[in-house]
Each structure stands twice: as structure tokens, then as C-alpha cells.
Amino acid sequence: MIVGEMIVIGLGVWFGLGGLVALIFLDFGVSRIDEAAKGASFLFRPMIFLGCTILWPAVLFRWFSGDKINEQNEES
């Protein structure tokens, strides 16, 4: 039972931290990383919430690395 309890507690901590990171990222960070997210529909953020929750270490790494995707080049 101790191993099972440790797994359940570990998953609870993982998803708790992930939910917190996802809420903060979806509010402040997603439009800084992806220019296309600025004009996305209102369903976009709830759709990516679960992925951000599960993959929160990768989300934090990408957010703090400063790399952007879908960046608009202003070259003429």
C-alpha cells in the first residue's frame, strides 16, 4: 500500500503543479511564445490546458528559454 500511496501523492503533486503552471502560462505566457495564439479563438486555451498541465516542465523550459514560434518576420 505504501508504494501505491506514494504514486497517488506523486501524481497529485505533479498535476497540482501542472495545473498552476498551466493557468499562469495560459494567462501570461502563451501569446509571448506563439504569435498565432494572440488571435486564436476562445476555445484555444481550454483545449491546450490539459497538455500544458501534463507537460509543465517542458512548458516552463520553453517559456523561460525565450524561443518564439510563428514569429512574424518584418523583412520586405
C-alpha atoms as a PDB file:
ATOM      1  CA  MET A   1       0.000   0.000   0.000  1.00  0.00           C
ATOM      2  CA  ILE A   2       2.840   2.411   0.665  1.00  0.00           C
ATOM      3  CA  VAL A   3       4.062   2.293  -2.947  1.00  0.00           C
ATOM      4  CA  GLY A   4       0.546   2.904  -4.241  1.00  0.00           C
ATOM      5  CA  GLU A   5       0.052   5.827  -1.878  1.00  0.00           C
ATOM      6  CA  MET A   6       3.376   7.317  -2.945  1.00  0.00           C
ATOM      7  CA  ILE A   7       2.357   7.061  -6.605  1.00  0.00           C
ATOM      8  CA  VAL A   8      -1.001   8.717  -5.945  1.00  0.00           C
ATOM      9  CA  ILE A   9       0.616  11.517  -3.919  1.00  0.00           C
ATOM     10  CA  GLY A  10       3.289  11.991  -6.591  1.00  0.00           C
ATOM     11  CA  LEU A  11       0.695  12.243  -9.343  1.00  0.00           C
ATOM     12  CA  GLY A  12      -1.326  14.666  -7.242  1.00  0.00           C
ATOM     13  CA  VAL A  13       1.695  16.899  -6.774  1.00  0.00           C
ATOM     14  CA  TRP A  14       2.598  16.615 -10.488  1.00  0.00           C
ATOM     15  CA  PHE A  15      -0.894  17.566 -11.651  1.00  0.00           C
ATOM     16  CA  GLY A  16      -1.281  20.220  -8.965  1.00  0.00           C
ATOM     17  CA  LEU A  17       1.906  21.963 -10.033  1.00  0.00           C
ATOM     18  CA  GLY A  18       0.989  21.397 -13.666  1.00  0.00           C
ATOM     19  CA  GLY A  19      -2.415  22.990 -13.225  1.00  0.00           C
ATOM     20  CA  LEU A  20      -0.878  26.017 -11.563  1.00  0.00           C
ATOM     21  CA  VAL A  21       1.775  26.376 -14.262  1.00  0.00           C
ATOM     22  CA  ALA A  22      -0.838  25.896 -16.999  1.00  0.00           C
ATOM     23  CA  LEU A  23      -3.141  28.581 -15.602  1.00  0.00           C
ATOM     24  CA  ILE A  24      -0.310  31.095 -15.290  1.00  0.00           C
ATOM     25  CA  PHE A  25       1.154  30.179 -18.684  1.00  0.00           C
ATOM     26  CA  LEU A  26      -2.174  30.368 -20.496  1.00  0.00           C
ATOM     27  CA  ASP A  27      -2.884  33.754 -18.949  1.00  0.00           C
ATOM     28  CA  PHE A  28       0.511  35.384 -19.446  1.00  0.00           C
ATOM     29  CA  GLY A  29       2.916  33.264 -21.471  1.00  0.00           C
ATOM     30  CA  VAL A  30       1.287  31.577 -24.443  1.00  0.00           C
ATOM     31  CA  SER A  31       0.973  34.748 -26.506  1.00  0.00           C
ATOM     32  CA  ARG A  32       4.618  35.607 -25.796  1.00  0.00           C
ATOM     33  CA  ILE A  33       5.830  32.280 -27.168  1.00  0.00           C
ATOM     34  CA  ASP A  34       3.440  31.886 -30.090  1.00  0.00           C
ATOM     35  CA  GLU A  35       2.364  34.927 -32.091  1.00  0.00           C
ATOM     36  CA  ALA A  36      -0.540  32.955 -33.585  1.00  0.00           C
ATOM     37  CA  ALA A  37      -2.055  32.495 -30.119  1.00  0.00           C
ATOM     38  CA  LYS A  38      -2.892  36.203 -29.891  1.00  0.00           C
ATOM     39  CA  GLY A  39      -5.686  35.886 -32.439  1.00  0.00           C
ATOM     40  CA  ALA A  40      -6.835  32.388 -31.532  1.00  0.00           C
ATOM     41  CA  SER A  41     -10.449  31.562 -30.753  1.00  0.00           C
ATOM     42  CA  PHE A  42     -11.759  31.462 -27.196  1.00  0.00           C
ATOM     43  CA  LEU A  43     -11.659  27.645 -27.274  1.00  0.00           C
ATOM     44  CA  PHE A  44      -7.911  27.515 -27.914  1.00  0.00           C
ATOM     45  CA  ARG A  45      -6.753  27.972 -24.330  1.00  0.00           C
ATOM     46  CA  PRO A  46      -9.088  25.378 -22.765  1.00  0.00           C
ATOM     47  CA  MET A  47      -8.040  22.920 -25.479  1.00  0.00           C
ATOM     48  CA  ILE A  48      -4.344  23.167 -24.614  1.00  0.00           C
ATOM     49  CA  PHE A  49      -4.849  23.292 -20.835  1.00  0.00           C
ATOM     50  CA  LEU A  50      -4.532  19.535 -20.304  1.00  0.00           C
ATOM     51  CA  GLY A  51      -1.398  19.310 -22.431  1.00  0.00           C
ATOM     52  CA  CYS A  52       0.192  22.175 -20.506  1.00  0.00           C
ATOM     53  CA  THR A  53      -0.785  20.505 -17.237  1.00  0.00           C
ATOM     54  CA  ILE A  54       0.815  17.189 -18.150  1.00  0.00           C
ATOM     55  CA  LEU A  55       3.910  18.616 -19.838  1.00  0.00           C
ATOM     56  CA  TRP A  56       4.509  21.505 -17.445  1.00  0.00           C
ATOM     57  CA  PRO A  57       8.323  21.074 -17.193  1.00  0.00           C
ATOM     58  CA  ALA A  58       8.599  21.391 -20.994  1.00  0.00           C
ATOM     59  CA  VAL A  59       6.235  24.379 -20.947  1.00  0.00           C
ATOM     60  CA  LEU A  60       8.338  26.136 -18.320  1.00  0.00           C
ATOM     61  CA  PHE A  61      11.554  25.382 -20.207  1.00  0.00           C
ATOM     62  CA  ARG A  62      10.134  26.736 -23.467  1.00  0.00           C
ATOM     63  CA  TRP A  63       8.641  29.786 -21.755  1.00  0.00           C
ATOM     64  CA  PHE A  64      11.819  30.791 -19.932  1.00  0.00           C
ATOM     65  CA  SER A  65      14.157  29.992 -22.821  1.00  0.00           C
ATOM     66  CA  GLY A  66      12.680  32.900 -24.754  1.00  0.00           C
ATOM     67  CA  ASP A  67      12.379  30.983 -28.030  1.00  0.00           C
ATOM     68  CA  LYS A  68       9.416  32.041 -30.106  1.00  0.00           C
ATOM     69  CA  ILE A  69       7.478  30.086 -32.670  1.00  0.00           C
ATOM     70  CA  ASN A  70       5.430  31.515 -35.530  1.00  0.00           C
ATOM     71  CA  GLU A  71       7.307  34.778 -35.192  1.00  0.00           C
ATOM     72  CA  GLN A  72       6.449  37.327 -37.850  1.00  0.00           C
ATOM     73  CA  ASN A  73       9.471  38.390 -39.903  1.00  0.00           C
ATOM     74  CA  GLU A  74       9.335  42.052 -40.769  1.00  0.00           C
ATOM     75  CA  GLU A  75      11.624  41.803 -43.778  1.00  0.00           C
ATOM     76  CA  SER A  76      10.308  43.251 -47.010  1.00  0.00           C
END
